[in-house]
Amino acid sequence: MPKIDLTKVPVKTGSIYPEPYAAMMAGRSSMRLGAAGGLTQFGANLVTLEPGGLSSLRHWHQHEDEFVMVTSGECTLIDDAGEHVMLPGDCAAFPAGDGNGHHFVNRTDRIAQFLVVGTKAPFEVATYSDVDMKVEMADGKAVFTYRDGTPWNGPR
C-alpha cells in the first residue's frame, strides 16, 4: 500500500457511548489510519485531544491488546496505578485480559495527539472501571450492558 494521504482520511468525532457518557467525549477525534491503508488484522488510529479532552472512559479489553504512543503535546495517562504524564515518544501497553482500566486526558492548553494500535478481535468485551457498564462488540455492533450483563438503560 502506498503512503497514506492524511488529507484524505476522514476525521471521526463523537462516540458510540450512550448518554451521558457520549457528551463527555467532546474534544476527542480520531483518524483510522489502519483502515485507510486497508489493514484488517489490527487497527491504527491517530487520536487528537483538545485541551480538556478525554480519550474514553477508563476501560480495559478482554480480547484485544492495545498500544499507545504520544506523538505530540502532553497527555496524562490515568490507570489503576495512578496518573502518569506522557510526552512525545512515551509509550504504554495494555495486554488483553489485564484489568488495568485506563484512559488519557489532555490537561494542557494545547492539542495533544497519540497513536493507538490494537488487535481487531471478531468479538470483544470492554469493561469500564469507573461506571457500571460494559460493551460487547461483534459484527461491528456495540451492545452496552451493566457489568452483571443486564441491559443498560442509564447510569445507576
Protein backbone atom coordinates (compact mmCIF):
# COMPACT_ATOMS: atom_id res chain seq x y z
CA MET A 1 0.00 0.00 0.00
CA PRO A 2 1.39 3.41 -0.87
CA LYS A 3 1.83 6.29 1.53
CA ILE A 4 -1.43 7.25 3.22
CA ASP A 5 -2.57 10.76 2.33
CA LEU A 6 -3.66 12.14 5.70
CA THR A 7 -5.66 14.89 3.99
CA LYS A 8 -7.97 12.20 2.60
CA VAL A 9 -8.51 10.24 5.83
CA PRO A 10 -11.88 11.12 7.41
CA VAL A 11 -11.81 12.57 10.90
CA LYS A 12 -14.16 10.66 13.20
CA THR A 13 -15.81 12.58 16.02
CA GLY A 14 -18.45 11.58 18.50
CA SER A 15 -18.74 8.38 20.45
CA ILE A 16 -20.60 5.09 20.47
CA TYR A 17 -21.20 5.57 24.20
CA PRO A 18 -24.76 6.06 25.40
CA GLU A 19 -25.56 9.35 27.11
CA PRO A 20 -24.49 10.87 29.39
CA TYR A 21 -21.07 9.43 28.52
CA ALA A 22 -21.11 10.33 24.81
CA ALA A 23 -21.19 14.03 25.66
CA MET A 24 -18.05 13.60 27.79
CA MET A 25 -16.07 12.73 24.64
CA ALA A 26 -16.38 16.22 23.12
CA GLY A 27 -12.87 17.36 22.25
CA ARG A 28 -11.80 13.93 21.02
CA SER A 29 -11.38 12.98 17.37
CA SER A 30 -9.54 10.26 15.51
CA MET A 31 -8.33 9.20 12.11
CA ARG A 32 -8.48 5.48 11.32
CA LEU A 33 -5.11 5.15 9.62
CA GLY A 34 -5.04 1.36 9.53
CA ALA A 35 -8.41 1.18 7.82
CA ALA A 36 -7.33 3.90 5.37
CA GLY A 37 -4.36 1.70 4.46
CA GLY A 38 -6.52 -1.41 4.04
CA LEU A 39 -5.38 -3.19 7.21
CA THR A 40 -7.77 -5.81 8.58
CA GLN A 41 -5.88 -7.62 11.38
CA PHE A 42 -5.20 -4.64 13.63
CA GLY A 43 -6.26 -1.04 13.96
CA ALA A 44 -4.03 2.01 13.98
CA ASN A 45 -5.73 5.28 14.94
CA LEU A 46 -4.34 8.77 15.41
CA VAL A 47 -6.30 10.32 18.28
CA THR A 48 -6.45 14.07 18.84
CA LEU A 49 -7.42 15.51 22.21
CA GLU A 50 -8.34 19.17 22.51
CA PRO A 51 -7.50 20.88 25.81
CA GLY A 52 -9.65 19.21 28.48
CA GLY A 53 -10.48 16.27 26.21
CA LEU A 54 -10.78 12.62 27.30
CA SER A 55 -9.80 9.69 25.10
CA SER A 56 -12.53 7.45 26.55
CA LEU A 57 -13.98 6.31 29.82
CA ARG A 58 -11.44 4.30 31.80
CA HIS A 59 -11.67 0.79 30.37
CA TRP A 60 -9.88 -2.48 29.70
CA HIS A 61 -10.20 -5.02 26.90
CA GLN A 62 -10.85 -8.73 27.35
CA HIS A 63 -9.59 -9.91 23.93
CA GLU A 64 -7.64 -7.03 22.40
CA ASP A 65 -4.12 -5.80 23.02
CA GLU A 66 -3.69 -2.02 22.95
CA PHE A 67 -0.50 0.02 22.42
CA VAL A 68 -0.29 3.82 22.67
CA MET A 69 2.48 6.25 21.70
CA VAL A 70 2.19 10.01 22.24
CA THR A 71 3.14 11.82 19.05
CA SER A 72 2.64 15.47 20.04
CA GLY A 73 1.66 17.53 23.05
CA GLU A 74 1.20 16.15 26.54
CA CYS A 75 -1.36 13.68 27.88
CA THR A 76 -1.98 12.27 31.31
CA LEU A 77 -2.49 8.51 31.38
CA ILE A 78 -4.81 7.57 34.22
CA ASP A 79 -4.81 3.88 35.12
CA ASP A 80 -5.20 1.73 38.20
CA ALA A 81 -1.68 2.71 39.34
CA GLY A 82 -2.39 6.45 39.25
CA GLU A 83 -1.55 9.32 36.92
CA HIS A 84 1.38 9.39 34.51
CA VAL A 85 2.36 12.40 32.38
CA MET A 86 3.16 11.27 28.85
CA LEU A 87 5.20 13.30 26.36
CA PRO A 88 6.05 12.72 22.69
CA GLY A 89 7.75 9.34 22.33
CA ASP A 90 6.32 7.95 25.58
CA CYS A 91 4.54 4.62 25.16
CA ALA A 92 2.09 2.47 27.11
CA ALA A 93 0.89 -1.09 26.52
CA PHE A 94 -2.27 -2.79 27.74
CA PRO A 95 -2.36 -6.57 27.18
CA ALA A 96 -5.69 -8.25 26.52
CA GLY A 97 -7.33 -9.54 29.68
CA ASP A 98 -5.37 -7.27 32.04
CA GLY A 99 -7.98 -5.46 34.14
CA ASN A 100 -5.96 -2.23 34.34
CA GLY A 101 -8.58 0.38 33.42
CA HIS A 102 -7.03 3.27 31.54
CA HIS A 103 -7.68 6.43 29.56
CA PHE A 104 -5.91 9.61 28.52
CA VAL A 105 -6.75 13.19 29.46
CA ASN A 106 -5.38 16.41 28.00
CA ARG A 107 -4.89 18.75 30.95
CA THR A 108 -2.91 21.33 28.98
CA ASP A 109 -3.92 24.32 26.88
CA ARG A 110 -2.51 22.72 23.68
CA ILE A 111 -3.73 19.96 21.39
CA ALA A 112 -2.27 16.51 22.09
CA GLN A 113 -2.10 13.51 19.76
CA PHE A 114 -1.30 9.85 20.20
CA LEU A 115 -1.21 6.75 18.04
CA VAL A 116 -3.24 3.74 19.20
CA VAL A 117 -2.50 0.32 17.72
CA GLY A 118 -4.67 -2.60 18.71
CA THR A 119 -5.99 -6.02 17.84
CA LYS A 120 -9.22 -6.29 15.86
CA ALA A 121 -10.81 -9.28 17.58
CA PRO A 122 -14.00 -10.67 15.98
CA PHE A 123 -15.67 -10.49 19.40
CA GLU A 124 -14.64 -8.08 22.14
CA VAL A 125 -15.75 -7.16 25.62
CA ALA A 126 -14.60 -3.91 27.22
CA THR A 127 -15.31 -3.19 30.87
CA TYR A 128 -15.47 0.35 32.23
CA SER A 129 -13.65 0.86 35.51
CA ASP A 130 -15.44 3.86 36.96
CA VAL A 131 -19.02 3.28 35.81
CA ASP A 132 -21.26 0.20 35.93
CA MET A 133 -21.09 -0.56 32.22
CA LYS A 134 -19.50 -2.89 29.71
CA VAL A 135 -19.78 -3.26 25.96
CA GLU A 136 -19.78 -6.31 23.74
CA MET A 137 -18.64 -5.74 20.16
CA ALA A 138 -19.48 -8.21 17.40
CA ASP A 139 -20.06 -7.76 13.68
CA GLY A 140 -19.47 -4.02 14.01
CA LYS A 141 -22.28 -3.62 16.53
CA ALA A 142 -21.99 -2.46 20.13
CA VAL A 143 -24.28 -3.75 22.87
CA PHE A 144 -23.99 -1.97 26.22
CA THR A 145 -24.94 -3.70 29.46
CA TYR A 146 -24.32 -3.27 33.14
CA ARG A 147 -21.37 -5.31 34.40
CA ASP A 148 -23.75 -8.06 35.51
CA GLY A 149 -24.95 -8.45 31.90
CA THR A 150 -28.39 -6.89 32.28
CA PRO A 151 -29.40 -4.42 29.56
CA TRP A 152 -28.05 -0.89 30.06
CA ASN A 153 -30.67 1.83 30.40
CA GLY A 154 -28.75 4.65 32.05
CA PRO A 155 -26.44 5.26 34.98
CA ARG A 156 -27.45 3.67 38.26
